Amino acid sequence: MSLRFKATVLLSFAVTMPSIIEFSNGYLSITSLLERLLVTLVVAFVAVGVLSAIIAAYRIENIQRDHIRADTREPRDRDPS
């Protein structure tokens, strides 16, 4: 399993935890619980996708910046000894 999938499921269960507790106490039906779980899964999937896209963009930007810095550096003078 990918880290993105694990983060999505974990976030979804964390957000749905109050509803799971209400269901276990008998205050919520199974259909309402599953609807809430489905909605949180979709929202968490989108949120984790957006977050991973932002992280990837910063990573690419930093790699490009490092390549530009490496290309503009002058070689160091070595000691003759």
C-alpha atoms as a PDB file:
ATOM      1  CA  MET A   1       0.000   0.000   0.000  1.00  0.00           C
ATOM      2  CA  SER A   2       1.159   3.458  -0.764  1.00  0.00           C
ATOM      3  CA  LEU A   3       1.722   6.103   1.854  1.00  0.00           C
ATOM      4  CA  ARG A   4      -0.865   8.309   0.174  1.00  0.00           C
ATOM      5  CA  PHE A   5      -3.575   5.639   0.527  1.00  0.00           C
ATOM      6  CA  LYS A   6      -2.669   4.993   4.160  1.00  0.00           C
ATOM      7  CA  ALA A   7      -2.786   8.709   4.952  1.00  0.00           C
ATOM      8  CA  THR A   8      -6.185   9.009   3.269  1.00  0.00           C
ATOM      9  CA  VAL A   9      -7.716   6.130   5.216  1.00  0.00           C
ATOM     10  CA  LEU A  10      -6.175   7.246   8.511  1.00  0.00           C
ATOM     11  CA  LEU A  11      -7.382  10.817   8.063  1.00  0.00           C
ATOM     12  CA  SER A  12     -10.835   9.598   7.127  1.00  0.00           C
ATOM     13  CA  PHE A  13     -11.153   7.376  10.190  1.00  0.00           C
ATOM     14  CA  ALA A  14      -9.828  10.125  12.441  1.00  0.00           C
ATOM     15  CA  VAL A  15     -12.456  12.557  11.190  1.00  0.00           C
ATOM     16  CA  THR A  16     -15.231   9.945  11.380  1.00  0.00           C
ATOM     17  CA  MET A  17     -14.305   8.757  14.896  1.00  0.00           C
ATOM     18  CA  PRO A  18     -17.057  10.757  16.680  1.00  0.00           C
ATOM     19  CA  SER A  19     -19.637   9.180  14.362  1.00  0.00           C
ATOM     20  CA  ILE A  20     -18.211   5.715  15.031  1.00  0.00           C
ATOM     21  CA  ILE A  21     -18.575   6.336  18.758  1.00  0.00           C
ATOM     22  CA  GLU A  22     -22.173   7.521  18.266  1.00  0.00           C
ATOM     23  CA  PHE A  23     -22.888   4.366  16.243  1.00  0.00           C
ATOM     24  CA  SER A  24     -21.406   2.125  18.937  1.00  0.00           C
ATOM     25  CA  ASN A  25     -23.621   3.837  21.544  1.00  0.00           C
ATOM     26  CA  GLY A  26     -26.722   3.288  19.402  1.00  0.00           C
ATOM     27  CA  TYR A  27     -27.386   6.925  18.496  1.00  0.00           C
ATOM     28  CA  LEU A  28     -26.567   6.597  14.785  1.00  0.00           C
ATOM     29  CA  SER A  29     -27.679   4.148  12.095  1.00  0.00           C
ATOM     30  CA  ILE A  30     -25.239   2.165   9.978  1.00  0.00           C
ATOM     31  CA  THR A  31     -26.336   3.934   6.788  1.00  0.00           C
ATOM     32  CA  SER A  32     -25.603   7.358   8.265  1.00  0.00           C
ATOM     33  CA  LEU A  33     -22.223   6.153   9.484  1.00  0.00           C
ATOM     34  CA  LEU A  34     -21.300   4.741   6.079  1.00  0.00           C
ATOM     35  CA  GLU A  35     -22.456   7.917   4.318  1.00  0.00           C
ATOM     36  CA  ARG A  36     -20.268  10.022   6.586  1.00  0.00           C
ATOM     37  CA  LEU A  37     -17.346   7.643   6.095  1.00  0.00           C
ATOM     38  CA  LEU A  38     -17.743   7.798   2.313  1.00  0.00           C
ATOM     39  CA  VAL A  39     -17.859  11.592   2.309  1.00  0.00           C
ATOM     40  CA  THR A  40     -14.758  11.823   4.504  1.00  0.00           C
ATOM     41  CA  LEU A  41     -12.937   9.313   2.297  1.00  0.00           C
ATOM     42  CA  VAL A  42     -13.616  11.428  -0.787  1.00  0.00           C
ATOM     43  CA  VAL A  43     -12.635  14.683   0.932  1.00  0.00           C
ATOM     44  CA  ALA A  44      -9.503  13.115   2.435  1.00  0.00           C
ATOM     45  CA  PHE A  45      -8.546  11.634  -0.958  1.00  0.00           C
ATOM     46  CA  VAL A  46      -8.793  15.063  -2.601  1.00  0.00           C
ATOM     47  CA  ALA A  47      -6.977  16.801   0.276  1.00  0.00           C
ATOM     48  CA  VAL A  48      -4.094  14.314   0.318  1.00  0.00           C
ATOM     49  CA  GLY A  49      -3.855  14.538  -3.482  1.00  0.00           C
ATOM     50  CA  VAL A  50      -3.615  18.331  -3.392  1.00  0.00           C
ATOM     51  CA  LEU A  51      -1.062  18.199  -0.587  1.00  0.00           C
ATOM     52  CA  SER A  52       1.093  15.665  -2.430  1.00  0.00           C
ATOM     53  CA  ALA A  53       0.942  17.795  -5.594  1.00  0.00           C
ATOM     54  CA  ILE A  54       2.119  20.847  -3.642  1.00  0.00           C
ATOM     55  CA  ILE A  55       4.962  18.861  -2.066  1.00  0.00           C
ATOM     56  CA  ALA A  56       5.980  17.489  -5.475  1.00  0.00           C
ATOM     57  CA  ALA A  57       6.024  20.985  -6.966  1.00  0.00           C
ATOM     58  CA  TYR A  58       8.283  22.282  -4.193  1.00  0.00           C
ATOM     59  CA  ARG A  59      10.538  19.243  -4.580  1.00  0.00           C
ATOM     60  CA  ILE A  60      10.894  19.826  -8.327  1.00  0.00           C
ATOM     61  CA  GLU A  61      11.544  23.522  -7.738  1.00  0.00           C
ATOM     62  CA  ASN A  62      14.282  22.750  -5.206  1.00  0.00           C
ATOM     63  CA  ILE A  63      15.916  20.204  -7.505  1.00  0.00           C
ATOM     64  CA  GLN A  64      15.947  22.726 -10.352  1.00  0.00           C
ATOM     65  CA  ARG A  65      17.354  25.417  -8.069  1.00  0.00           C
ATOM     66  CA  ASP A  66      20.124  23.055  -6.910  1.00  0.00           C
ATOM     67  CA  HIS A  67      21.031  22.230 -10.516  1.00  0.00           C
ATOM     68  CA  ILE A  68      21.201  25.914 -11.395  1.00  0.00           C
ATOM     69  CA  ARG A  69      23.422  26.616  -8.388  1.00  0.00           C
ATOM     70  CA  ALA A  70      25.666  23.673  -9.249  1.00  0.00           C
ATOM     71  CA  ASP A  71      26.054  24.888 -12.824  1.00  0.00           C
ATOM     72  CA  THR A  72      26.975  28.445 -11.810  1.00  0.00           C
ATOM     73  CA  ARG A  73      29.586  27.485  -9.218  1.00  0.00           C
ATOM     74  CA  GLU A  74      33.212  27.800 -10.097  1.00  0.00           C
ATOM     75  CA  PRO A  75      35.366  24.756  -9.472  1.00  0.00           C
ATOM     76  CA  ARG A  76      37.348  24.948  -6.249  1.00  0.00           C
ATOM     77  CA  ASP A  77      41.064  25.342  -6.393  1.00  0.00           C
ATOM     78  CA  ARG A  78      42.795  22.275  -5.080  1.00  0.00           C
ATOM     79  CA  ASP A  79      45.908  22.313  -2.976  1.00  0.00           C
ATOM     80  CA  PRO A  80      48.974  21.134  -4.895  1.00  0.00           C
ATOM     81  CA  SER A  81      50.063  18.937  -1.984  1.00  0.00           C
END
